[in-house]
Amino acid sequence: MQTSLTVTLNGEDRCFDGPLSVAALLARLGLDPRKVAVERNAAIVSRSVYGETWLTGGDRLEIVHFIGGG
């Protein structure tokens, strides 16, 4: 069953078809999970549990990209 899921992503309200895990959100956004850090409701989400961490309406997410360079 698909439901509408509204979360705040990097300060912007976004609507997605749910249910949605962190891993599925990253895939939907086209982001490589190895190159980002995810904070959900002020707590860092461990990469090892992205697939097991389900989003709920009203969640506040911050996704930060790692940038290499020298």
N, C-alpha and C. Protein backbone atom coordinates (compact mmCIF):
# COMPACT_ATOMS: atom_id res chain seq x y z
N MET A 1 0.83 -1.17 0.00
CA MET A 1 0.00 0.00 0.00
C MET A 1 0.88 1.25 0.00
N GLN A 2 0.69 2.12 -0.98
CA GLN A 2 1.45 3.34 -1.09
C GLN A 2 0.74 4.46 -0.34
N THR A 3 1.50 5.23 0.40
CA THR A 3 0.96 6.39 1.08
C THR A 3 1.87 7.58 0.79
N SER A 4 1.35 8.76 0.99
CA SER A 4 2.16 9.96 0.82
C SER A 4 2.95 10.19 2.10
N LEU A 5 4.21 10.51 1.94
CA LEU A 5 5.11 10.70 3.07
C LEU A 5 5.78 12.06 2.90
N THR A 6 5.57 12.97 3.86
CA THR A 6 6.19 14.28 3.80
C THR A 6 7.27 14.36 4.86
N VAL A 7 8.49 14.69 4.43
CA VAL A 7 9.63 14.86 5.32
C VAL A 7 10.29 16.19 5.00
N THR A 8 11.09 16.68 5.92
CA THR A 8 11.89 17.87 5.65
C THR A 8 13.29 17.40 5.31
N LEU A 9 13.72 17.69 4.09
CA LEU A 9 15.01 17.23 3.58
C LEU A 9 15.89 18.44 3.34
N ASN A 10 16.95 18.54 4.14
CA ASN A 10 17.87 19.68 4.05
C ASN A 10 17.12 21.00 4.08
N GLY A 11 16.14 21.09 4.98
CA GLY A 11 15.40 22.33 5.19
C GLY A 11 14.22 22.56 4.27
N GLU A 12 13.96 21.63 3.36
CA GLU A 12 12.87 21.80 2.39
C GLU A 12 11.86 20.66 2.55
N ASP A 13 10.57 21.00 2.64
CA ASP A 13 9.54 19.96 2.71
C ASP A 13 9.46 19.23 1.38
N ARG A 14 9.51 17.90 1.44
CA ARG A 14 9.44 17.06 0.23
C ARG A 14 8.42 15.96 0.46
N CYS A 15 7.70 15.62 -0.59
CA CYS A 15 6.69 14.57 -0.54
C CYS A 15 7.16 13.38 -1.38
N PHE A 16 7.02 12.18 -0.85
CA PHE A 16 7.41 10.95 -1.54
C PHE A 16 6.29 9.93 -1.37
N ASP A 17 6.27 8.95 -2.26
CA ASP A 17 5.41 7.79 -2.06
C ASP A 17 6.09 6.92 -1.02
N GLY A 18 5.34 6.48 -0.02
CA GLY A 18 5.91 5.66 1.03
C GLY A 18 5.26 4.30 1.03
N PRO A 19 5.66 3.42 1.92
CA PRO A 19 6.72 3.58 2.91
C PRO A 19 8.09 3.65 2.24
N LEU A 20 9.05 4.23 2.98
CA LEU A 20 10.36 4.50 2.41
C LEU A 20 11.43 4.36 3.48
N SER A 21 12.46 3.61 3.17
CA SER A 21 13.61 3.50 4.07
C SER A 21 14.63 4.55 3.67
N VAL A 22 15.62 4.77 4.51
CA VAL A 22 16.69 5.69 4.17
C VAL A 22 17.39 5.23 2.89
N ALA A 23 17.66 3.93 2.77
CA ALA A 23 18.32 3.39 1.57
C ALA A 23 17.49 3.66 0.32
N ALA A 24 16.18 3.45 0.41
CA ALA A 24 15.29 3.69 -0.73
C ALA A 24 15.23 5.18 -1.08
N LEU A 25 15.25 6.04 -0.08
CA LEU A 25 15.26 7.48 -0.33
C LEU A 25 16.52 7.88 -1.08
N LEU A 26 17.66 7.39 -0.62
CA LEU A 26 18.92 7.72 -1.29
C LEU A 26 18.90 7.24 -2.74
N ALA A 27 18.38 6.04 -2.98
CA ALA A 27 18.28 5.52 -4.34
C ALA A 27 17.37 6.40 -5.18
N ARG A 28 16.24 6.79 -4.62
CA ARG A 28 15.29 7.64 -5.34
C ARG A 28 15.91 8.99 -5.69
N LEU A 29 16.79 9.49 -4.83
CA LEU A 29 17.45 10.77 -5.07
C LEU A 29 18.70 10.62 -5.95
N GLY A 30 19.06 9.37 -6.27
CA GLY A 30 20.24 9.13 -7.10
C GLY A 30 21.55 9.34 -6.37
N LEU A 31 21.54 9.13 -5.05
CA LEU A 31 22.74 9.34 -4.24
C LEU A 31 23.41 8.02 -3.87
N ASP A 32 24.72 8.00 -3.93
CA ASP A 32 25.50 6.83 -3.55
C ASP A 32 25.61 6.79 -2.03
N PRO A 33 25.06 5.76 -1.38
CA PRO A 33 25.08 5.72 0.09
C PRO A 33 26.48 5.70 0.68
N ARG A 34 27.48 5.35 -0.11
CA ARG A 34 28.86 5.34 0.39
C ARG A 34 29.46 6.74 0.44
N LYS A 35 28.79 7.71 -0.19
CA LYS A 35 29.36 9.05 -0.30
C LYS A 35 28.53 10.12 0.40
N VAL A 36 27.64 9.68 1.31
CA VAL A 36 26.83 10.65 2.05
C VAL A 36 26.75 10.25 3.52
N ALA A 37 26.40 11.23 4.34
CA ALA A 37 26.06 10.98 5.73
C ALA A 37 24.61 11.44 5.90
N VAL A 38 23.85 10.69 6.69
CA VAL A 38 22.43 11.00 6.88
C VAL A 38 22.16 11.22 8.36
N GLU A 39 21.49 12.34 8.64
CA GLU A 39 21.04 12.64 9.98
C GLU A 39 19.52 12.64 9.94
N ARG A 40 18.91 11.92 10.86
CA ARG A 40 17.45 11.84 10.95
C ARG A 40 17.03 12.29 12.33
N ASN A 41 16.26 13.37 12.39
CA ASN A 41 15.77 13.91 13.66
C ASN A 41 16.91 14.13 14.65
N ALA A 42 17.98 14.76 14.16
CA ALA A 42 19.15 15.15 14.95
C ALA A 42 20.02 13.98 15.41
N ALA A 43 19.85 12.80 14.81
CA ALA A 43 20.69 11.65 15.15
C ALA A 43 21.28 11.07 13.86
N ILE A 44 22.58 10.80 13.88
CA ILE A 44 23.24 10.22 12.72
C ILE A 44 22.73 8.80 12.51
N VAL A 45 22.41 8.46 11.26
CA VAL A 45 21.98 7.11 10.91
C VAL A 45 23.20 6.35 10.42
N SER A 46 23.50 5.23 11.05
CA SER A 46 24.63 4.40 10.63
C SER A 46 24.36 3.81 9.26
N ARG A 47 25.34 3.86 8.38
CA ARG A 47 25.19 3.33 7.02
C ARG A 47 24.73 1.87 7.05
N SER A 48 25.12 1.12 8.06
CA SER A 48 24.77 -0.30 8.13
C SER A 48 23.28 -0.54 8.34
N VAL A 49 22.53 0.49 8.75
CA VAL A 49 21.10 0.31 8.98
C VAL A 49 20.23 1.17 8.06
N TYR A 50 20.79 1.71 6.99
CA TYR A 50 20.00 2.51 6.04
C TYR A 50 18.78 1.74 5.55
N GLY A 51 18.95 0.46 5.23
CA GLY A 51 17.85 -0.35 4.71
C GLY A 51 16.80 -0.70 5.74
N GLU A 52 17.15 -0.61 7.01
CA GLU A 52 16.24 -0.98 8.10
C GLU A 52 15.62 0.24 8.78
N THR A 53 16.04 1.44 8.38
CA THR A 53 15.55 2.66 9.01
C THR A 53 14.45 3.25 8.15
N TRP A 54 13.20 3.12 8.64
CA TRP A 54 12.03 3.56 7.90
C TRP A 54 11.66 4.98 8.28
N LEU A 55 11.36 5.78 7.28
CA LEU A 55 10.98 7.16 7.50
C LEU A 55 9.51 7.26 7.87
N THR A 56 9.19 8.25 8.67
CA THR A 56 7.81 8.53 9.03
C THR A 56 7.53 10.00 8.73
N GLY A 57 6.27 10.31 8.51
CA GLY A 57 5.88 11.68 8.21
C GLY A 57 6.38 12.63 9.28
N GLY A 58 6.93 13.75 8.85
CA GLY A 58 7.44 14.74 9.78
C GLY A 58 8.90 14.59 10.13
N ASP A 59 9.55 13.50 9.68
CA ASP A 59 10.98 13.34 9.94
C ASP A 59 11.74 14.52 9.36
N ARG A 60 12.82 14.91 10.04
CA ARG A 60 13.71 15.97 9.57
C ARG A 60 15.03 15.31 9.21
N LEU A 61 15.38 15.39 7.93
CA LEU A 61 16.59 14.74 7.43
C LEU A 61 17.58 15.76 6.92
N GLU A 62 18.85 15.49 7.19
CA GLU A 62 19.94 16.25 6.59
C GLU A 62 20.83 15.24 5.90
N ILE A 63 21.11 15.47 4.64
CA ILE A 63 22.00 14.59 3.88
C ILE A 63 23.19 15.43 3.44
N VAL A 64 24.39 14.98 3.80
CA VAL A 64 25.61 15.69 3.49
C VAL A 64 26.46 14.83 2.57
N HIS A 65 26.93 15.42 1.49
CA HIS A 65 27.80 14.72 0.51
C HIS A 65 29.25 14.86 0.95
N PHE A 66 30.00 13.77 0.84
CA PHE A 66 31.44 13.83 1.07
C PHE A 66 32.09 14.32 -0.21
N ILE A 67 32.98 15.27 -0.09
CA ILE A 67 33.67 15.81 -1.27
C ILE A 67 35.15 15.62 -1.05
N GLY A 68 35.80 14.94 -1.98
CA GLY A 68 37.24 14.72 -1.90
C GLY A 68 38.00 15.85 -2.58
N GLY A 69 39.22 15.92 -2.28
CA GLY A 69 40.05 16.94 -2.92
C GLY A 69 41.36 17.08 -2.17
N GLY A 70 42.16 17.95 -2.66
CA GLY A 70 43.45 18.08 -2.01
C GLY A 70 43.99 19.41 -2.00
